[in-house]
PDB file of N, CA and C in Angstrom:
ATOM      1  N   MET A   1      44.444  38.509   5.264  1.00  0.00           N
ATOM      2  CA  MET A   1      43.162  38.765   5.345  1.00  0.00           C
ATOM      3  C   MET A   1      42.168  38.873   4.227  1.00  0.00           C
ATOM      4  N   THR A   2      40.983  38.840   4.154  1.00  0.00           N
ATOM      5  CA  THR A   2      40.104  39.165   2.940  1.00  0.00           C
ATOM      6  C   THR A   2      39.086  40.169   3.633  1.00  0.00           C
ATOM      7  N   THR A   3      39.109  40.892   2.761  1.00  0.00           N
ATOM      8  CA  THR A   3      38.314  42.334   3.097  1.00  0.00           C
ATOM      9  C   THR A   3      37.320  42.348   2.048  1.00  0.00           C
ATOM     10  N   TYR A   4      36.040  42.853   2.218  1.00  0.00           N
ATOM     11  CA  TYR A   4      34.741  42.870   1.668  1.00  0.00           C
ATOM     12  C   TYR A   4      34.543  44.391   1.065  1.00  0.00           C
ATOM     13  N   LYS A   5      34.218  45.239  -0.328  1.00  0.00           N
ATOM     14  CA  LYS A   5      33.577  46.223  -0.124  1.00  0.00           C
ATOM     15  C   LYS A   5      32.371  46.312   0.431  1.00  0.00           C
ATOM     16  N   TYR A   6      32.066  47.554   0.993  1.00  0.00           N
ATOM     17  CA  TYR A   6      30.941  47.983   1.722  1.00  0.00           C
ATOM     18  C   TYR A   6      30.142  49.005   0.492  1.00  0.00           C
ATOM     19  N   ILE A   7      29.382  48.765   0.134  1.00  0.00           N
ATOM     20  CA  ILE A   7      29.048  50.195  -1.232  1.00  0.00           C
ATOM     21  C   ILE A   7      27.991  51.056  -0.684  1.00  0.00           C
ATOM     22  N   GLN A   8      28.189  52.193  -0.635  1.00  0.00           N
ATOM     23  CA  GLN A   8      27.296  53.086   0.357  1.00  0.00           C
ATOM     24  C   GLN A   8      26.841  54.327  -1.161  1.00  0.00           C
ATOM     25  N   ASP A   9      25.813  54.105  -1.154  1.00  0.00           N
ATOM     26  CA  ASP A   9      25.259  56.073  -1.916  1.00  0.00           C
ATOM     27  C   ASP A   9      24.421  56.367  -0.736  1.00  0.00           C
ATOM     28  N   PRO A  10      23.894  57.557  -1.585  1.00  0.00           N
ATOM     29  CA  PRO A  10      23.417  58.083   0.032  1.00  0.00           C
ATOM     30  C   PRO A  10      21.971  57.934   0.190  1.00  0.00           C
ATOM     31  N   GLY A  11      21.405  56.674  -0.071  1.00  0.00           N
ATOM     32  CA  GLY A  11      20.309  55.684   0.315  1.00  0.00           C
ATOM     33  C   GLY A  11      20.156  54.782   0.477  1.00  0.00           C
ATOM     34  N   HIS A  12      21.438  53.935   0.548  1.00  0.00           N
ATOM     35  CA  HIS A  12      21.335  52.739   1.089  1.00  0.00           C
ATOM     36  C   HIS A  12      23.248  51.948   0.896  1.00  0.00           C
ATOM     37  N   GLY A  13      23.062  50.366   1.339  1.00  0.00           N
ATOM     38  CA  GLY A  13      24.440  50.222   1.288  1.00  0.00           C
ATOM     39  C   GLY A  13      24.261  49.022   1.052  1.00  0.00           C
ATOM     40  N   TRP A  14      25.509  48.007   0.405  1.00  0.00           N
ATOM     41  CA  TRP A  14      25.966  46.585   0.289  1.00  0.00           C
ATOM     42  C   TRP A  14      26.978  45.764   0.655  1.00  0.00           C
ATOM     43  N   ILE A  15      26.980  44.806   0.893  1.00  0.00           N
ATOM     44  CA  ILE A  15      28.522  44.586   1.713  1.00  0.00           C
ATOM     45  C   ILE A  15      28.995  42.934  -0.015  1.00  0.00           C
ATOM     46  N   GLU A  16      29.721  43.163  -0.685  1.00  0.00           N
ATOM     47  CA  GLU A  16      30.080  42.399  -1.527  1.00  0.00           C
ATOM     48  C   GLU A  16      30.651  40.822  -1.363  1.00  0.00           C
ATOM     49  N   VAL A  17      30.069  40.415  -1.162  1.00  0.00           N
ATOM     50  CA  VAL A  17      30.235  38.937  -1.081  1.00  0.00           C
ATOM     51  C   VAL A  17      30.610  37.927  -1.803  1.00  0.00           C
ATOM     52  N   PRO A  18      31.456  37.161  -2.379  1.00  0.00           N
ATOM     53  CA  PRO A  18      31.599  36.157  -2.890  1.00  0.00           C
ATOM     54  C   PRO A  18      30.304  35.041  -3.014  1.00  0.00           C
ATOM     55  N   VAL A  19      29.487  34.680  -4.230  1.00  0.00           N
ATOM     56  CA  VAL A  19      28.698  33.565  -4.193  1.00  0.00           C
ATOM     57  C   VAL A  19      29.137  32.451  -2.796  1.00  0.00           C
ATOM     58  N   SER A  20      30.299  31.824  -3.202  1.00  0.00           N
ATOM     59  CA  SER A  20      30.704  30.729  -2.588  1.00  0.00           C
ATOM     60  C   SER A  20      30.839  30.919  -1.330  1.00  0.00           C
ATOM     61  N   GLU A  21      30.734  31.954  -1.109  1.00  0.00           N
ATOM     62  CA  GLU A  21      30.763  31.731   0.410  1.00  0.00           C
ATOM     63  C   GLU A  21      29.348  32.418   1.383  1.00  0.00           C
ATOM     64  N   ILE A  22      28.506  32.953   0.219  1.00  0.00           N
ATOM     65  CA  ILE A  22      27.255  32.861   0.378  1.00  0.00           C
ATOM     66  C   ILE A  22      26.604  31.115   0.966  1.00  0.00           C
ATOM     67  N   ARG A  23      27.127  30.598  -0.199  1.00  0.00           N
ATOM     68  CA  ARG A  23      26.692  29.129  -0.575  1.00  0.00           C
ATOM     69  C   ARG A  23      27.295  27.991   0.722  1.00  0.00           C
ATOM     70  N   ALA A  24      28.269  28.612   0.883  1.00  0.00           N
ATOM     71  CA  ALA A  24      28.908  28.003   2.079  1.00  0.00           C
ATOM     72  C   ALA A  24      28.178  27.746   3.116  1.00  0.00           C
ATOM     73  N   LEU A  25      27.483  29.110   3.508  1.00  0.00           N
ATOM     74  CA  LEU A  25      27.012  29.294   5.032  1.00  0.00           C
ATOM     75  C   LEU A  25      25.693  29.051   4.623  1.00  0.00           C
ATOM     76  N   GLY A  26      25.027  28.453   4.023  1.00  0.00           N
ATOM     77  CA  GLY A  26      24.267  27.731   3.793  1.00  0.00           C
ATOM     78  C   GLY A  26      23.041  29.482   3.908  1.00  0.00           C
ATOM     79  N   LEU A  27      23.454  30.658   3.394  1.00  0.00           N
ATOM     80  CA  LEU A  27      22.487  31.776   3.351  1.00  0.00           C
ATOM     81  C   LEU A  27      21.730  31.852   1.859  1.00  0.00           C
ATOM     82  N   LYS A  28      20.461  32.759   2.084  1.00  0.00           N
ATOM     83  CA  LYS A  28      19.661  32.579   0.928  1.00  0.00           C
ATOM     84  C   LYS A  28      18.923  34.277   0.837  1.00  0.00           C
ATOM     85  N   PRO A  29      19.702  35.381   0.050  1.00  0.00           N
ATOM     86  CA  PRO A  29      19.363  36.522   0.346  1.00  0.00           C
ATOM     87  C   PRO A  29      17.917  36.844  -0.167  1.00  0.00           C
ATOM     88  N   SER A  30      17.691  37.781   0.223  1.00  0.00           N
ATOM     89  CA  SER A  30      16.324  38.243  -0.207  1.00  0.00           C
ATOM     90  C   SER A  30      16.163  38.954  -1.328  1.00  0.00           C
ATOM     91  N   HIS A  31      14.749  39.532  -2.037  1.00  0.00           N
ATOM     92  CA  HIS A  31      14.728  40.023  -2.461  1.00  0.00           C
ATOM     93  C   HIS A  31      15.714  41.942  -2.934  1.00  0.00           C
ATOM     94  N   CYS A  32      15.897  42.141  -1.581  1.00  0.00           N
ATOM     95  CA  CYS A  32      16.647  43.202  -1.290  1.00  0.00           C
ATOM     96  C   CYS A  32      17.959  43.164  -1.849  1.00  0.00           C
ATOM     97  N   SER A  33      18.464  42.295  -2.035  1.00  0.00           N
ATOM     98  CA  SER A  33      20.012  42.116  -1.924  1.00  0.00           C
ATOM     99  C   SER A  33      20.433  42.112  -4.057  1.00  0.00           C
ATOM    100  N   TYR A  34      21.153  42.166  -4.171  1.00  0.00           N
ATOM    101  CA  TYR A  34      21.392  41.995  -5.681  1.00  0.00           C
ATOM    102  C   TYR A  34      22.485  41.061  -6.123  1.00  0.00           C
ATOM    103  N   LYS A  35      22.710  40.119  -7.390  1.00  0.00           N
ATOM    104  CA  LYS A  35      23.708  39.775  -7.655  1.00  0.00           C
ATOM    105  C   LYS A  35      24.184  39.800  -8.933  1.00  0.00           C
ATOM    106  N   LYS A  36      25.077  39.610  -9.468  1.00  0.00           N
ATOM    107  CA  LYS A  36      26.367  39.523 -10.624  1.00  0.00           C
ATOM    108  C   LYS A  36      27.558  39.018 -10.642  1.00  0.00           C
ATOM    109  N   GLY A  37      27.624  38.358 -11.705  1.00  0.00           N
ATOM    110  CA  GLY A  37      28.977  37.833 -11.683  1.00  0.00           C
ATOM    111  C   GLY A  37      29.371  36.750 -10.449  1.00  0.00           C
ATOM    112  N   ARG A  38      30.247  36.698  -9.852  1.00  0.00           N
ATOM    113  CA  ARG A  38      30.620  35.829  -8.672  1.00  0.00           C
ATOM    114  C   ARG A  38      30.017  36.359  -7.590  1.00  0.00           C
ATOM    115  N   TYR A  39      29.173  37.612  -6.932  1.00  0.00           N
ATOM    116  CA  TYR A  39      29.134  38.236  -6.306  1.00  0.00           C
ATOM    117  C   TYR A  39      27.848  38.615  -6.168  1.00  0.00           C
ATOM    118  N   VAL A  40      27.669  38.314  -4.947  1.00  0.00           N
ATOM    119  CA  VAL A  40      26.071  38.919  -3.874  1.00  0.00           C
ATOM    120  C   VAL A  40      26.356  40.324  -3.557  1.00  0.00           C
ATOM    121  N   TYR A  41      25.344  40.817  -3.480  1.00  0.00           N
ATOM    122  CA  TYR A  41      25.508  42.729  -3.034  1.00  0.00           C
ATOM    123  C   TYR A  41      24.264  42.061  -1.668  1.00  0.00           C
ATOM    124  N   LEU A  42      24.737  42.527  -0.590  1.00  0.00           N
ATOM    125  CA  LEU A  42      23.989  41.849   0.639  1.00  0.00           C
ATOM    126  C   LEU A  42      23.383  43.152   1.365  1.00  0.00           C
ATOM    127  N   GLU A  43      21.816  43.388   1.079  1.00  0.00           N
ATOM    128  CA  GLU A  43      21.573  45.118   1.624  1.00  0.00           C
ATOM    129  C   GLU A  43      21.999  44.485   3.302  1.00  0.00           C
ATOM    130  N   GLU A  44      21.958  45.935   3.549  1.00  0.00           N
ATOM    131  CA  GLU A  44      22.921  46.136   5.088  1.00  0.00           C
ATOM    132  C   GLU A  44      21.854  46.132   5.606  1.00  0.00           C
ATOM    133  N   ASP A  45      20.069  46.195   5.609  1.00  0.00           N
ATOM    134  CA  ASP A  45      19.742  46.296   6.842  1.00  0.00           C
ATOM    135  C   ASP A  45      19.182  44.586   7.033  1.00  0.00           C
ATOM    136  N   CYS A  46      19.215  44.095   6.514  1.00  0.00           N
ATOM    137  CA  CYS A  46      18.830  42.640   6.914  1.00  0.00           C
ATOM    138  C   CYS A  46      20.163  41.362   6.410  1.00  0.00           C
ATOM    139  N   ASP A  47      20.182  41.283   4.902  1.00  0.00           N
ATOM    140  CA  ASP A  47      20.828  40.319   4.780  1.00  0.00           C
ATOM    141  C   ASP A  47      22.624  40.270   4.802  1.00  0.00           C
ATOM    142  N   ALA A  48      22.854  41.432   5.256  1.00  0.00           N
ATOM    143  CA  ALA A  48      24.292  41.529   5.260  1.00  0.00           C
ATOM    144  C   ALA A  48      24.365  41.289   6.899  1.00  0.00           C
ATOM    145  N   LEU A  49      23.317  41.749   7.837  1.00  0.00           N
ATOM    146  CA  LEU A  49      23.598  41.090   9.422  1.00  0.00           C
ATOM    147  C   LEU A  49      23.432  39.696   9.532  1.00  0.00           C
ATOM    148  N   ALA A  50      22.386  39.012   8.463  1.00  0.00           N
ATOM    149  CA  ALA A  50      22.484  37.494   8.623  1.00  0.00           C
ATOM    150  C   ALA A  50      23.970  36.487   8.198  1.00  0.00           C
ATOM    151  N   TRP A  51      24.564  37.639   7.171  1.00  0.00           N
ATOM    152  CA  TRP A  51      25.585  36.923   6.417  1.00  0.00           C
ATOM    153  C   TRP A  51      26.583  37.171   8.141  1.00  0.00           C
ATOM    154  N   ILE A  52      26.842  38.488   8.470  1.00  0.00           N
ATOM    155  CA  ILE A  52      27.859  38.831   9.675  1.00  0.00           C
ATOM    156  C   ILE A  52      27.415  37.537  10.943  1.00  0.00           C
ATOM    157  N   ASN A  53      26.127  37.620  11.019  1.00  0.00           N
ATOM    158  CA  ASN A  53      25.761  36.591  12.351  1.00  0.00           C
ATOM    159  C   ASN A  53      26.609  34.738  11.491  1.00  0.00           C
ATOM    160  N   ALA A  54      26.107  34.450  10.679  1.00  0.00           N
ATOM    161  CA  ALA A  54      26.722  33.503  10.087  1.00  0.00           C
ATOM    162  C   ALA A  54      27.764  33.002  10.613  1.00  0.00           C
ATOM    163  N   ARG A  55      28.868  34.078   9.569  1.00  0.00           N
ATOM    164  CA  ARG A  55      30.361  33.987   9.870  1.00  0.00           C
ATOM    165  C   ARG A  55      30.546  33.904  11.340  1.00  0.00           C
ATOM    166  N   ALA A  56      29.602  34.584  12.432  1.00  0.00           N
ATOM    167  CA  ALA A  56      30.074  34.482  13.783  1.00  0.00           C
ATOM    168  C   ALA A  56      29.997  33.410  13.972  1.00  0.00           C
ATOM    169  N   ALA A  57      28.913  32.699  13.805  1.00  0.00           N
ATOM    170  CA  ALA A  57      28.395  31.297  13.905  1.00  0.00           C
ATOM    171  C   ALA A  57      29.615  30.084  14.056  1.00  0.00           C
ATOM    172  N   ALA A  58      30.524  30.428  12.714  1.00  0.00           N
ATOM    173  CA  ALA A  58      31.043  29.739  11.989  1.00  0.00           C
ATOM    174  C   ALA A  58      32.356  30.346  12.850  1.00  0.00           C
ATOM    175  N   GLY A  59      32.767  31.033  13.386  1.00  0.00           N
ATOM    176  CA  GLY A  59      34.122  31.073  13.929  1.00  0.00           C
ATOM    177  C   GLY A  59      35.016  31.995  13.460  1.00  0.00           C
ATOM    178  N   ARG A  60      34.213  32.759  12.449  1.00  0.00           N
ATOM    179  CA  ARG A  60      34.945  34.059  11.527  1.00  0.00           C
ATOM    180  C   ARG A  60      33.987  34.672  11.540  1.00  0.00           C
ATOM    181  N   PRO A  61      34.419  35.809  12.950  1.00  0.00           N
ATOM    182  CA  PRO A  61      33.675  36.881  13.073  1.00  0.00           C
ATOM    183  C   PRO A  61      33.849  38.034  11.958  1.00  0.00           C
ATOM    184  N   VAL A  62      33.395  39.014  11.288  1.00  0.00           N
ATOM    185  CA  VAL A  62      33.291  40.090  10.680  1.00  0.00           C
ATOM    186  C   VAL A  62      33.783  41.233  11.557  1.00  0.00           C
ATOM    187  N   ASN A  63      35.268  41.750  11.661  1.00  0.00           N
ATOM    188  CA  ASN A  63      35.536  42.671  12.051  1.00  0.00           C
ATOM    189  C   ASN A  63      35.819  44.548  11.131  1.00  0.00           C
ATOM    190  N   ARG A  64      35.384  45.264  12.112  1.00  0.00           N
ATOM    191  CA  ARG A  64      35.627  46.854  10.912  1.00  0.00           C
ATOM    192  C   ARG A  64      36.491  46.802  10.105  1.00  0.00           C
ATOM    193  N   ASP A  65      37.640  46.174  10.439  1.00  0.00           N
ATOM    194  CA  ASP A  65      38.808  46.287   9.022  1.00  0.00           C
ATOM    195  C   ASP A  65      38.556  45.713   8.240  1.00  0.00           C
ATOM    196  N   ASP A  66      37.586  44.282   7.980  1.00  0.00           N
ATOM    197  CA  ASP A  66      37.233  43.917   7.064  1.00  0.00           C
ATOM    198  C   ASP A  66      36.689  44.482   5.703  1.00  0.00           C
ATOM    199  N   LEU A  67      35.766  45.700   6.299  1.00  0.00           N
ATOM    200  CA  LEU A  67      35.203  46.102   5.348  1.00  0.00           C
ATOM    201  C   LEU A  67      35.969  47.302   4.707  1.00  0.00           C
ATOM    202  N   VAL A  68      35.896  47.620   3.575  1.00  0.00           N
ATOM    203  CA  VAL A  68      36.487  48.517   2.982  1.00  0.00           C
ATOM    204  C   VAL A  68      35.504  49.438   2.433  1.00  0.00           C
ATOM    205  N   GLU A  69      35.124  50.594   2.908  1.00  0.00           N
ATOM    206  CA  GLU A  69      33.688  51.425   2.677  1.00  0.00           C
ATOM    207  C   GLU A  69      34.505  52.104   1.103  1.00  0.00           C
ATOM    208  N   ILE A  70      33.363  52.264   0.179  1.00  0.00           N
ATOM    209  CA  ILE A  70      33.363  53.015  -1.032  1.00  0.00           C
ATOM    210  C   ILE A  70      31.791  53.282  -0.893  1.00  0.00           C
ATOM    211  N   HIS A  71      32.224  54.731  -0.987  1.00  0.00           N
ATOM    212  CA  HIS A  71      30.962  56.302  -1.054  1.00  0.00           C
ATOM    213  C   HIS A  71      30.846  56.767  -2.171  1.00  0.00           C
ATOM    214  N   THR A  72      29.512  56.765  -2.543  1.00  0.00           N
ATOM    215  CA  THR A  72      28.960  57.503  -3.727  1.00  0.00           C
ATOM    216  C   THR A  72      28.197  58.838  -3.528  1.00  0.00           C
ATOM    217  N   ASN A  73      28.077  60.024  -4.231  1.00  0.00           N
ATOM    218  CA  ASN A  73      27.221  60.882  -4.209  1.00  0.00           C
ATOM    219  C   ASN A  73      25.833  60.420  -5.089  1.00  0.00           C
ATOM    220  N   HIS A  74      25.518  59.445  -5.671  1.00  0.00           N
ATOM    221  CA  HIS A  74      25.007  59.606  -6.544  1.00  0.00           C
ATOM    222  C   HIS A  74      24.393  57.818  -6.602  1.00  0.00           C
ATOM    223  N   ASP A  75      23.287  57.386  -7.035  1.00  0.00           N
ATOM    224  CA  ASP A  75      22.836  56.096  -7.147  1.00  0.00           C
ATOM    225  C   ASP A  75      24.252  55.364  -7.425  1.00  0.00           C
ATOM    226  N   SER A  76      24.503  54.039  -7.059  1.00  0.00           N
ATOM    227  CA  SER A  76      25.356  52.899  -6.692  1.00  0.00           C
ATOM    228  C   SER A  76      25.064  52.153  -7.975  1.00  0.00           C
ATOM    229  N   PRO A  77      25.725  51.737  -8.988  1.00  0.00           N
ATOM    230  CA  PRO A  77      25.826  51.341  -9.833  1.00  0.00           C
ATOM    231  C   PRO A  77      25.296  49.668  -9.590  1.00  0.00           C
ATOM    232  N   VAL A  78      25.304  49.419  -8.153  1.00  0.00           N
ATOM    233  CA  VAL A  78      24.848  47.992  -7.892  1.00  0.00           C
ATOM    234  C   VAL A  78      22.954  48.012  -7.949  1.00  0.00           C
ATOM    235  N   ARG A  79      22.418  49.689  -7.588  1.00  0.00           N
ATOM    236  CA  ARG A  79      21.012  49.463  -7.986  1.00  0.00           C
ATOM    237  C   ARG A  79      20.327  48.779  -9.481  1.00  0.00           C
ATOM    238  N   ASP A  80      21.428  48.782 -10.639  1.00  0.00           N
ATOM    239  CA  ASP A  80      21.406  48.030 -11.920  1.00  0.00           C
ATOM    240  C   ASP A  80      21.385  47.002 -11.966  1.00  0.00           C
ATOM    241  N   MET A  81      22.244  46.398 -10.776  1.00  0.00           N
ATOM    242  CA  MET A  81      22.244  44.783 -10.944  1.00  0.00           C
ATOM    243  C   MET A  81      20.923  44.237 -10.542  1.00  0.00           C
ATOM    244  N   ALA A  82      20.833  42.803 -11.509  1.00  0.00           N
ATOM    245  CA  ALA A  82      19.859  41.456 -10.871  1.00  0.00           C
ATOM    246  C   ALA A  82      19.565  41.689  -9.606  1.00  0.00           C
ATOM    247  N   ARG A  83      18.222  41.184  -8.870  1.00  0.00           N
ATOM    248  CA  ARG A  83      18.116  40.815  -7.904  1.00  0.00           C
ATOM    249  C   ARG A  83      18.055  39.637  -6.771  1.00  0.00           C
ATOM    250  N   CYS A  84      18.457  39.251  -6.235  1.00  0.00           N
ATOM    251  CA  CYS A  84      18.618  37.794  -5.729  1.00  0.00           C
ATOM    252  C   CYS A  84      17.233  37.481  -5.713  1.00  0.00           C
TER     253      CYS A  84
END
C-alpha cells in the first residue's frame, strides 16, 4: 500500500505526491502548489482534489487510509519551497 503525507499547518494543507505520478496522470499543478526534489506538494483546496479525481478516473482511488496526517502549529516548511 502506498501512503502519502498530508501536511497541515494552521492556515493550509498539502499532499506530497511524487513528480512521476503527477506526470503519469497528466496533471499540471497550479502556482498554489509547491515542489522540491522528486515531490510536488499539492495544495489541498484545488490541486489535491484534481489529483484525487484523476486517480479515481484511473481506477486507483485515494482512500483515507492512504493519507498520513502531519500537523504543525507553526508555518509548514512547505511554504518555503519553490512554487509550481
